[in-house]
Amino acid sequence: MSKLVKAKDGVEWYADGTILLIRCPQCKRENYALAVADGVCCWCGYKPKPLK
């Protein structure tokens, strides 16, 4: 995994474009472990936008 660029509200953005969604900022629930690497909330479908 590459270098962490930004972490905010349970979302982590990495230099290689990877987005890990640990806790959803929309529904406030912890994401299912296998869905963290997908970057999509398994509860409400929220998907964070990539950094520019």
C-alpha atoms as a PDB file:
ATOM      1  CA  MET A   1       0.000   0.000   0.000  1.00  0.00           C
ATOM      2  CA  SER A   2       1.260   3.465  -0.777  1.00  0.00           C
ATOM      3  CA  LYS A   3       1.600   6.547   1.393  1.00  0.00           C
ATOM      4  CA  LEU A   4      -1.439   7.928   3.226  1.00  0.00           C
ATOM      5  CA  VAL A   5      -2.390  11.301   1.734  1.00  0.00           C
ATOM      6  CA  LYS A   6      -5.480  12.219   3.765  1.00  0.00           C
ATOM      7  CA  ALA A   7      -7.674  10.706   6.477  1.00  0.00           C
ATOM      8  CA  LYS A   8     -11.013  12.231   7.451  1.00  0.00           C
ATOM      9  CA  ASP A   9     -14.251  10.915   8.979  1.00  0.00           C
ATOM     10  CA  GLY A  10     -13.342   7.235   8.632  1.00  0.00           C
ATOM     11  CA  VAL A  11     -12.108   7.538   5.038  1.00  0.00           C
ATOM     12  CA  GLU A  12      -8.448   7.149   4.048  1.00  0.00           C
ATOM     13  CA  TRP A  13      -7.024   8.265   0.688  1.00  0.00           C
ATOM     14  CA  TYR A  14      -3.659   6.913  -0.502  1.00  0.00           C
ATOM     15  CA  ALA A  15      -1.211   8.226  -3.106  1.00  0.00           C
ATOM     16  CA  ASP A  16      -1.863   5.298  -5.473  1.00  0.00           C
ATOM     17  CA  GLY A  17      -5.588   6.164  -5.654  1.00  0.00           C
ATOM     18  CA  THR A  18      -6.757   3.575  -3.123  1.00  0.00           C
ATOM     19  CA  ILE A  19      -9.673   4.692  -0.945  1.00  0.00           C
ATOM     20  CA  LEU A  20     -10.446   2.788   2.250  1.00  0.00           C
ATOM     21  CA  LEU A  21     -13.858   3.406   3.794  1.00  0.00           C
ATOM     22  CA  ILE A  22     -13.587   2.310   7.426  1.00  0.00           C
ATOM     23  CA  ARG A  23     -16.507   4.251   8.885  1.00  0.00           C
ATOM     24  CA  CYS A  24     -19.164   5.852   6.703  1.00  0.00           C
ATOM     25  CA  PRO A  25     -19.495   9.632   7.154  1.00  0.00           C
ATOM     26  CA  GLN A  26     -23.051   9.487   5.754  1.00  0.00           C
ATOM     27  CA  CYS A  27     -24.732   6.789   7.883  1.00  0.00           C
ATOM     28  CA  LYS A  28     -22.075   6.790  10.667  1.00  0.00           C
ATOM     29  CA  ARG A  29     -21.834   2.992  10.705  1.00  0.00           C
ATOM     30  CA  GLU A  30     -18.652   0.957  10.659  1.00  0.00           C
ATOM     31  CA  ASN A  31     -18.133  -0.642   7.273  1.00  0.00           C
ATOM     32  CA  TYR A  32     -18.113  -4.423   6.883  1.00  0.00           C
ATOM     33  CA  ALA A  33     -14.475  -5.584   6.915  1.00  0.00           C
ATOM     34  CA  LEU A  34     -14.507  -7.055   3.409  1.00  0.00           C
ATOM     35  CA  ALA A  35     -16.083  -3.869   1.986  1.00  0.00           C
ATOM     36  CA  VAL A  36     -13.427  -1.506   3.408  1.00  0.00           C
ATOM     37  CA  ALA A  37     -11.076  -2.026   0.443  1.00  0.00           C
ATOM     38  CA  ASP A  38     -13.953  -1.592  -2.049  1.00  0.00           C
ATOM     39  CA  GLY A  39     -14.414   1.968  -0.799  1.00  0.00           C
ATOM     40  CA  VAL A  40     -18.205   1.629  -0.743  1.00  0.00           C
ATOM     41  CA  CYS A  41     -20.389   1.540   2.377  1.00  0.00           C
ATOM     42  CA  CYS A  42     -22.112  -1.826   2.661  1.00  0.00           C
ATOM     43  CA  TRP A  43     -24.992  -0.250   4.616  1.00  0.00           C
ATOM     44  CA  CYS A  44     -26.041   2.792   2.592  1.00  0.00           C
ATOM     45  CA  GLY A  45     -23.970   2.621  -0.620  1.00  0.00           C
ATOM     46  CA  TYR A  46     -21.987   5.815   0.017  1.00  0.00           C
ATOM     47  CA  LYS A  47     -18.860   6.106  -2.146  1.00  0.00           C
ATOM     48  CA  PRO A  48     -16.296   8.834  -1.384  1.00  0.00           C
ATOM     49  CA  LYS A  49     -14.909  10.865  -4.255  1.00  0.00           C
ATOM     50  CA  PRO A  50     -11.233  10.565  -5.175  1.00  0.00           C
ATOM     51  CA  LEU A  51      -8.925  13.421  -4.263  1.00  0.00           C
ATOM     52  CA  LYS A  52      -8.076  15.778  -7.085  1.00  0.00           C
END
